[in-house]
PDB file of N, CA and C in Angstrom:
ATOM      1  N   MET A   1       7.050 -33.224   4.411  1.00  0.00           N
ATOM      2  CA  MET A   1       8.082 -32.219   4.162  1.00  0.00           C
ATOM      3  C   MET A   1       7.621 -31.317   3.026  1.00  0.00           C
ATOM      4  N   LYS A   2       7.782 -30.022   3.225  1.00  0.00           N
ATOM      5  CA  LYS A   2       7.435 -29.044   2.203  1.00  0.00           C
ATOM      6  C   LYS A   2       8.612 -28.856   1.257  1.00  0.00           C
ATOM      7  N   LYS A   3       8.307 -28.831  -0.023  1.00  0.00           N
ATOM      8  CA  LYS A   3       9.334 -28.523  -1.015  1.00  0.00           C
ATOM      9  C   LYS A   3       9.130 -27.078  -1.445  1.00  0.00           C
ATOM     10  N   ILE A   4      10.110 -26.250  -1.135  1.00  0.00           N
ATOM     11  CA  ILE A   4      10.056 -24.832  -1.462  1.00  0.00           C
ATOM     12  C   ILE A   4      11.058 -24.573  -2.576  1.00  0.00           C
ATOM     13  N   GLN A   5      10.579 -24.011  -3.659  1.00  0.00           N
ATOM     14  CA  GLN A   5      11.459 -23.673  -4.768  1.00  0.00           C
ATOM     15  C   GLN A   5      11.416 -22.168  -4.993  1.00  0.00           C
ATOM     16  N   ILE A   6      12.584 -21.596  -5.180  1.00  0.00           N
ATOM     17  CA  ILE A   6      12.705 -20.185  -5.499  1.00  0.00           C
ATOM     18  C   ILE A   6      13.193 -20.105  -6.940  1.00  0.00           C
ATOM     19  N   LEU A   7      12.386 -19.499  -7.783  1.00  0.00           N
ATOM     20  CA  LEU A   7      12.730 -19.379  -9.199  1.00  0.00           C
ATOM     21  C   LEU A   7      13.324 -18.000  -9.449  1.00  0.00           C
ATOM     22  N   GLY A   8      14.511 -17.981 -10.010  1.00  0.00           N
ATOM     23  CA  GLY A   8      15.166 -16.716 -10.332  1.00  0.00           C
ATOM     24  C   GLY A   8      16.607 -16.944 -10.696  1.00  0.00           C
ATOM     25  N   THR A   9      17.191 -15.958 -11.319  1.00  0.00           N
ATOM     26  CA  THR A   9      18.548 -16.098 -11.845  1.00  0.00           C
ATOM     27  C   THR A   9      19.636 -15.796 -10.825  1.00  0.00           C
ATOM     28  N   GLY A  10      19.248 -15.465  -9.608  1.00  0.00           N
ATOM     29  CA  GLY A  10      20.255 -15.202  -8.580  1.00  0.00           C
ATOM     30  C   GLY A  10      20.420 -13.735  -8.247  1.00  0.00           C
ATOM     31  N   CYS A  11      19.461 -12.916  -8.633  1.00  0.00           N
ATOM     32  CA  CYS A  11      19.516 -11.488  -8.350  1.00  0.00           C
ATOM     33  C   CYS A  11      19.323 -11.249  -6.847  1.00  0.00           C
ATOM     34  N   PRO A  12      19.609 -10.047  -6.372  1.00  0.00           N
ATOM     35  CA  PRO A  12      19.432  -9.764  -4.938  1.00  0.00           C
ATOM     36  C   PRO A  12      18.005 -10.037  -4.435  1.00  0.00           C
ATOM     37  N   LYS A  13      16.995  -9.764  -5.247  1.00  0.00           N
ATOM     38  CA  LYS A  13      15.619 -10.043  -4.828  1.00  0.00           C
ATOM     39  C   LYS A  13      15.386 -11.539  -4.665  1.00  0.00           C
ATOM     40  N   CYS A  14      15.981 -12.324  -5.539  1.00  0.00           N
ATOM     41  CA  CYS A  14      15.857 -13.781  -5.443  1.00  0.00           C
ATOM     42  C   CYS A  14      16.507 -14.277  -4.149  1.00  0.00           C
ATOM     43  N   GLU A  15      17.668 -13.758  -3.860  1.00  0.00           N
ATOM     44  CA  GLU A  15      18.382 -14.162  -2.645  1.00  0.00           C
ATOM     45  C   GLU A  15      17.597 -13.754  -1.398  1.00  0.00           C
ATOM     46  N   GLN A  16      16.946 -12.592  -1.432  1.00  0.00           N
ATOM     47  CA  GLN A  16      16.136 -12.156  -0.285  1.00  0.00           C
ATOM     48  C   GLN A  16      14.935 -13.067  -0.102  1.00  0.00           C
ATOM     49  N   LEU A  17      14.312 -13.486  -1.200  1.00  0.00           N
ATOM     50  CA  LEU A  17      13.172 -14.386  -1.107  1.00  0.00           C
ATOM     51  C   LEU A  17      13.587 -15.722  -0.508  1.00  0.00           C
ATOM     52  N   ILE A  18      14.765 -16.199  -0.848  1.00  0.00           N
ATOM     53  CA  ILE A  18      15.283 -17.437  -0.256  1.00  0.00           C
ATOM     54  C   ILE A  18      15.408 -17.274   1.255  1.00  0.00           C
ATOM     55  N   ARG A  19      16.016 -16.174   1.692  1.00  0.00           N
ATOM     56  CA  ARG A  19      16.180 -15.927   3.131  1.00  0.00           C
ATOM     57  C   ARG A  19      14.830 -15.833   3.831  1.00  0.00           C
ATOM     58  N   ASN A  20      13.879 -15.151   3.205  1.00  0.00           N
ATOM     59  CA  ASN A  20      12.555 -14.999   3.805  1.00  0.00           C
ATOM     60  C   ASN A  20      11.825 -16.338   3.901  1.00  0.00           C
ATOM     61  N   ALA A  21      11.959 -17.174   2.874  1.00  0.00           N
ATOM     62  CA  ALA A  21      11.311 -18.488   2.885  1.00  0.00           C
ATOM     63  C   ALA A  21      11.913 -19.374   3.978  1.00  0.00           C
ATOM     64  N   GLU A  22      13.232 -19.346   4.103  1.00  0.00           N
ATOM     65  CA  GLU A  22      13.884 -20.132   5.153  1.00  0.00           C
ATOM     66  C   GLU A  22      13.439 -19.652   6.532  1.00  0.00           C
ATOM     67  N   SER A  23      13.357 -18.353   6.714  1.00  0.00           N
ATOM     68  CA  SER A  23      12.921 -17.783   7.983  1.00  0.00           C
ATOM     69  C   SER A  23      11.501 -18.221   8.314  1.00  0.00           C
ATOM     70  N   ALA A  24      10.620 -18.186   7.338  1.00  0.00           N
ATOM     71  CA  ALA A  24       9.221 -18.576   7.546  1.00  0.00           C
ATOM     72  C   ALA A  24       9.114 -20.048   7.933  1.00  0.00           C
ATOM     73  N   ALA A  25       9.827 -20.900   7.216  1.00  0.00           N
ATOM     74  CA  ALA A  25       9.760 -22.332   7.496  1.00  0.00           C
ATOM     75  C   ALA A  25      10.325 -22.646   8.884  1.00  0.00           C
ATOM     76  N   LYS A  26      11.410 -21.980   9.245  1.00  0.00           N
ATOM     77  CA  LYS A  26      11.996 -22.201  10.568  1.00  0.00           C
ATOM     78  C   LYS A  26      11.069 -21.688  11.667  1.00  0.00           C
ATOM     79  N   THR A  27      10.420 -20.559  11.440  1.00  0.00           N
ATOM     80  CA  THR A  27       9.475 -20.015  12.421  1.00  0.00           C
ATOM     81  C   THR A  27       8.345 -20.999  12.687  1.00  0.00           C
ATOM     82  N   LEU A  28       7.849 -21.638  11.631  1.00  0.00           N
ATOM     83  CA  LEU A  28       6.764 -22.618  11.769  1.00  0.00           C
ATOM     84  C   LEU A  28       7.253 -23.958  12.304  1.00  0.00           C
ATOM     85  N   GLY A  29       8.567 -24.180  12.245  1.00  0.00           N
ATOM     86  CA  GLY A  29       9.127 -25.441  12.717  1.00  0.00           C
ATOM     87  C   GLY A  29       8.779 -26.626  11.837  1.00  0.00           C
ATOM     88  N   ILE A  30       8.590 -26.372  10.544  1.00  0.00           N
ATOM     89  CA  ILE A  30       8.236 -27.461   9.632  1.00  0.00           C
ATOM     90  C   ILE A  30       9.486 -28.023   8.965  1.00  0.00           C
ATOM     91  N   GLU A  31       9.370 -29.258   8.515  1.00  0.00           N
ATOM     92  CA  GLU A  31      10.444 -29.844   7.722  1.00  0.00           C
ATOM     93  C   GLU A  31      10.308 -29.300   6.310  1.00  0.00           C
ATOM     94  N   TYR A  32      11.427 -28.891   5.746  1.00  0.00           N
ATOM     95  CA  TYR A  32      11.381 -28.296   4.417  1.00  0.00           C
ATOM     96  C   TYR A  32      12.677 -28.550   3.667  1.00  0.00           C
ATOM     97  N   GLU A  33      12.562 -28.400   2.368  1.00  0.00           N
ATOM     98  CA  GLU A  33      13.714 -28.464   1.468  1.00  0.00           C
ATOM     99  C   GLU A  33      13.594 -27.261   0.546  1.00  0.00           C
ATOM    100  N   ILE A  34      14.683 -26.513   0.417  1.00  0.00           N
ATOM    101  CA  ILE A  34      14.670 -25.358  -0.484  1.00  0.00           C
ATOM    102  C   ILE A  34      15.550 -25.663  -1.686  1.00  0.00           C
ATOM    103  N   GLU A  35      14.989 -25.397  -2.850  1.00  0.00           N
ATOM    104  CA  GLU A  35      15.730 -25.567  -4.095  1.00  0.00           C
ATOM    105  C   GLU A  35      15.762 -24.229  -4.820  1.00  0.00           C
ATOM    106  N   LYS A  36      16.928 -23.832  -5.247  1.00  0.00           N
ATOM    107  CA  LYS A  36      17.083 -22.622  -6.051  1.00  0.00           C
ATOM    108  C   LYS A  36      17.062 -23.049  -7.515  1.00  0.00           C
ATOM    109  N   VAL A  37      16.112 -22.532  -8.262  1.00  0.00           N
ATOM    110  CA  VAL A  37      15.993 -22.873  -9.678  1.00  0.00           C
ATOM    111  C   VAL A  37      16.447 -21.652 -10.473  1.00  0.00           C
ATOM    112  N   LYS A  38      17.640 -21.763 -11.062  1.00  0.00           N
ATOM    113  CA  LYS A  38      18.218 -20.641 -11.805  1.00  0.00           C
ATOM    114  C   LYS A  38      18.161 -20.821 -13.311  1.00  0.00           C
ATOM    115  N   ASP A  39      17.911 -22.046 -13.766  1.00  0.00           N
ATOM    116  CA  ASP A  39      17.874 -22.332 -15.198  1.00  0.00           C
ATOM    117  C   ASP A  39      16.595 -21.759 -15.812  1.00  0.00           C
ATOM    118  N   ILE A  40      16.759 -20.873 -16.764  1.00  0.00           N
ATOM    119  CA  ILE A  40      15.619 -20.170 -17.358  1.00  0.00           C
ATOM    120  C   ILE A  40      14.635 -21.135 -18.015  1.00  0.00           C
ATOM    121  N   ASN A  41      15.128 -22.215 -18.599  1.00  0.00           N
ATOM    122  CA  ASN A  41      14.234 -23.190 -19.230  1.00  0.00           C
ATOM    123  C   ASN A  41      13.361 -23.890 -18.184  1.00  0.00           C
ATOM    124  N   ARG A  42      13.933 -24.211 -17.040  1.00  0.00           N
ATOM    125  CA  ARG A  42      13.144 -24.821 -15.952  1.00  0.00           C
ATOM    126  C   ARG A  42      12.144 -23.821 -15.393  1.00  0.00           C
ATOM    127  N   ILE A  43      12.561 -22.567 -15.266  1.00  0.00           N
ATOM    128  CA  ILE A  43      11.658 -21.533 -14.752  1.00  0.00           C
ATOM    129  C   ILE A  43      10.446 -21.407 -15.673  1.00  0.00           C
ATOM    130  N   MET A  44      10.689 -21.455 -16.967  1.00  0.00           N
ATOM    131  CA  MET A  44       9.605 -21.309 -17.943  1.00  0.00           C
ATOM    132  C   MET A  44       8.614 -22.473 -17.871  1.00  0.00           C
ATOM    133  N   THR A  45       9.052 -23.655 -17.448  1.00  0.00           N
ATOM    134  CA  THR A  45       8.126 -24.792 -17.341  1.00  0.00           C
ATOM    135  C   THR A  45       7.051 -24.546 -16.278  1.00  0.00           C
ATOM    136  N   PHE A  46       7.316 -23.630 -15.353  1.00  0.00           N
ATOM    137  CA  PHE A  46       6.326 -23.277 -14.339  1.00  0.00           C
ATOM    138  C   PHE A  46       5.339 -22.229 -14.840  1.00  0.00           C
ATOM    139  N   GLY A  47       5.586 -21.680 -16.031  1.00  0.00           N
ATOM    140  CA  GLY A  47       4.727 -20.642 -16.575  1.00  0.00           C
ATOM    141  C   GLY A  47       4.974 -19.277 -15.944  1.00  0.00           C
ATOM    142  N   VAL A  48       6.130 -19.117 -15.342  1.00  0.00           N
ATOM    143  CA  VAL A  48       6.478 -17.874 -14.648  1.00  0.00           C
ATOM    144  C   VAL A  48       7.198 -16.946 -15.617  1.00  0.00           C
ATOM    145  N   MET A  49       6.713 -15.709 -15.700  1.00  0.00           N
ATOM    146  CA  MET A  49       7.347 -14.730 -16.573  1.00  0.00           C
ATOM    147  C   MET A  49       8.126 -13.682 -15.779  1.00  0.00           C
ATOM    148  N   LEU A  50       7.813 -13.533 -14.488  1.00  0.00           N
ATOM    149  CA  LEU A  50       8.497 -12.575 -13.626  1.00  0.00           C
ATOM    150  C   LEU A  50       9.135 -13.301 -12.454  1.00  0.00           C
ATOM    151  N   THR A  51      10.362 -12.940 -12.167  1.00  0.00           N
ATOM    152  CA  THR A  51      11.037 -13.518 -11.016  1.00  0.00           C
ATOM    153  C   THR A  51      11.332 -12.400 -10.026  1.00  0.00           C
ATOM    154  N   PRO A  52      11.541 -12.717  -8.780  1.00  0.00           N
ATOM    155  CA  PRO A  52      11.583 -14.060  -8.217  1.00  0.00           C
ATOM    156  C   PRO A  52      10.180 -14.638  -8.072  1.00  0.00           C
ATOM    157  N   ALA A  53      10.131 -15.955  -8.036  1.00  0.00           N
ATOM    158  CA  ALA A  53       8.860 -16.642  -7.840  1.00  0.00           C
ATOM    159  C   ALA A  53       9.020 -17.663  -6.724  1.00  0.00           C
ATOM    160  N   LEU A  54       7.933 -17.873  -6.016  1.00  0.00           N
ATOM    161  CA  LEU A  54       7.899 -18.835  -4.918  1.00  0.00           C
ATOM    162  C   LEU A  54       6.990 -19.983  -5.313  1.00  0.00           C
ATOM    163  N   VAL A  55       7.523 -21.201  -5.232  1.00  0.00           N
ATOM    164  CA  VAL A  55       6.756 -22.400  -5.558  1.00  0.00           C
ATOM    165  C   VAL A  55       6.762 -23.297  -4.321  1.00  0.00           C
ATOM    166  N   ILE A  56       5.577 -23.710  -3.901  1.00  0.00           N
ATOM    167  CA  ILE A  56       5.438 -24.604  -2.759  1.00  0.00           C
ATOM    168  C   ILE A  56       4.815 -25.906  -3.255  1.00  0.00           C
ATOM    169  N   ASP A  57       5.518 -27.008  -3.036  1.00  0.00           N
ATOM    170  CA  ASP A  57       5.038 -28.334  -3.437  1.00  0.00           C
ATOM    171  C   ASP A  57       4.549 -28.340  -4.884  1.00  0.00           C
ATOM    172  N   GLY A  58       5.300 -27.680  -5.772  1.00  0.00           N
ATOM    173  CA  GLY A  58       5.005 -27.698  -7.198  1.00  0.00           C
ATOM    174  C   GLY A  58       3.993 -26.670  -7.674  1.00  0.00           C
ATOM    175  N   GLU A  59       3.435 -25.874  -6.762  1.00  0.00           N
ATOM    176  CA  GLU A  59       2.425 -24.881  -7.125  1.00  0.00           C
ATOM    177  C   GLU A  59       2.984 -23.474  -6.956  1.00  0.00           C
ATOM    178  N   VAL A  60       2.901 -22.677  -8.023  1.00  0.00           N
ATOM    179  CA  VAL A  60       3.389 -21.299  -7.975  1.00  0.00           C
ATOM    180  C   VAL A  60       2.475 -20.495  -7.046  1.00  0.00           C
ATOM    181  N   LYS A  61       3.078 -19.902  -6.027  1.00  0.00           N
ATOM    182  CA  LYS A  61       2.315 -19.120  -5.047  1.00  0.00           C
ATOM    183  C   LYS A  61       2.502 -17.619  -5.235  1.00  0.00           C
ATOM    184  N   SER A  62       3.615 -17.226  -5.841  1.00  0.00           N
ATOM    185  CA  SER A  62       3.904 -15.807  -6.024  1.00  0.00           C
ATOM    186  C   SER A  62       4.925 -15.655  -7.135  1.00  0.00           C
ATOM    187  N   ALA A  63       4.798 -14.564  -7.884  1.00  0.00           N
ATOM    188  CA  ALA A  63       5.775 -14.268  -8.936  1.00  0.00           C
ATOM    189  C   ALA A  63       5.953 -12.766  -9.050  1.00  0.00           C
ATOM    190  N   GLY A  64       7.197 -12.354  -9.236  1.00  0.00           N
ATOM    191  CA  GLY A  64       7.485 -10.953  -9.496  1.00  0.00           C
ATOM    192  C   GLY A  64       7.625 -10.074  -8.279  1.00  0.00           C
ATOM    193  N   LYS A  65       7.618 -10.682  -7.086  1.00  0.00           N
ATOM    194  CA  LYS A  65       7.789  -9.859  -5.888  1.00  0.00           C
ATOM    195  C   LYS A  65       8.454 -10.664  -4.782  1.00  0.00           C
ATOM    196  N   VAL A  66       9.004  -9.940  -3.831  1.00  0.00           N
ATOM    197  CA  VAL A  66       9.648 -10.562  -2.684  1.00  0.00           C
ATOM    198  C   VAL A  66       8.646 -10.550  -1.535  1.00  0.00           C
ATOM    199  N   LEU A  67       8.148 -11.718  -1.204  1.00  0.00           N
ATOM    200  CA  LEU A  67       7.220 -11.825  -0.088  1.00  0.00           C
ATOM    201  C   LEU A  67       7.976 -11.734   1.230  1.00  0.00           C
ATOM    202  N   SER A  68       7.335 -11.160   2.232  1.00  0.00           N
ATOM    203  CA  SER A  68       7.927 -11.091   3.563  1.00  0.00           C
ATOM    204  C   SER A  68       7.822 -12.462   4.220  1.00  0.00           C
ATOM    205  N   PRO A  69       8.626 -12.707   5.256  1.00  0.00           N
ATOM    206  CA  PRO A  69       8.480 -13.981   5.984  1.00  0.00           C
ATOM    207  C   PRO A  69       7.048 -14.182   6.485  1.00  0.00           C
ATOM    208  N   GLU A  70       6.403 -13.107   6.935  1.00  0.00           N
ATOM    209  CA  GLU A  70       5.027 -13.205   7.429  1.00  0.00           C
ATOM    210  C   GLU A  70       4.063 -13.647   6.330  1.00  0.00           C
ATOM    211  N   ASP A  71       4.242 -13.126   5.122  1.00  0.00           N
ATOM    212  CA  ASP A  71       3.393 -13.539   4.000  1.00  0.00           C
ATOM    213  C   ASP A  71       3.613 -15.002   3.654  1.00  0.00           C
ATOM    214  N   ILE A  72       4.850 -15.441   3.713  1.00  0.00           N
ATOM    215  CA  ILE A  72       5.172 -16.829   3.393  1.00  0.00           C
ATOM    216  C   ILE A  72       4.619 -17.757   4.461  1.00  0.00           C
ATOM    217  N   ILE A  73       4.647 -17.331   5.725  1.00  0.00           N
ATOM    218  CA  ILE A  73       4.064 -18.138   6.801  1.00  0.00           C
ATOM    219  C   ILE A  73       2.582 -18.407   6.512  1.00  0.00           C
ATOM    220  N   LYS A  74       1.864 -17.387   6.070  1.00  0.00           N
ATOM    221  CA  LYS A  74       0.440 -17.548   5.752  1.00  0.00           C
ATOM    222  C   LYS A  74       0.240 -18.583   4.643  1.00  0.00           C
ATOM    223  N   ILE A  75       1.124 -18.594   3.668  1.00  0.00           N
ATOM    224  CA  ILE A  75       1.037 -19.542   2.559  1.00  0.00           C
ATOM    225  C   ILE A  75       1.344 -20.961   3.030  1.00  0.00           C
ATOM    226  N   LEU A  76       2.320 -21.092   3.902  1.00  0.00           N
ATOM    227  CA  LEU A  76       2.760 -22.408   4.358  1.00  0.00           C
ATOM    228  C   LEU A  76       1.776 -23.074   5.326  1.00  0.00           C
ATOM    229  N   LYS A  77       0.963 -22.283   5.997  1.00  0.00           N
ATOM    230  CA  LYS A  77       0.024 -22.843   6.986  1.00  0.00           C
ATOM    231  C   LYS A  77      -1.069 -23.651   6.332  1.00  0.00           C
TER     232      LYS A  77
END
């Protein structure tokens, strides 16, 4: 199972990244869990300075931009 974390305070870009990540995971048909990390102290533990950020299985894959579902599919493969 893939653990997908979206780091951000809940802004519209963060919410879009959540939707895109869910779409990508469903397209691939993989088992996944999505966690929204809104606590700034937890976000900082990842070393992320720009949100939204995408974390897959504990590894930061993107920060400061909203990836498309297609981009996320490439990361998840």
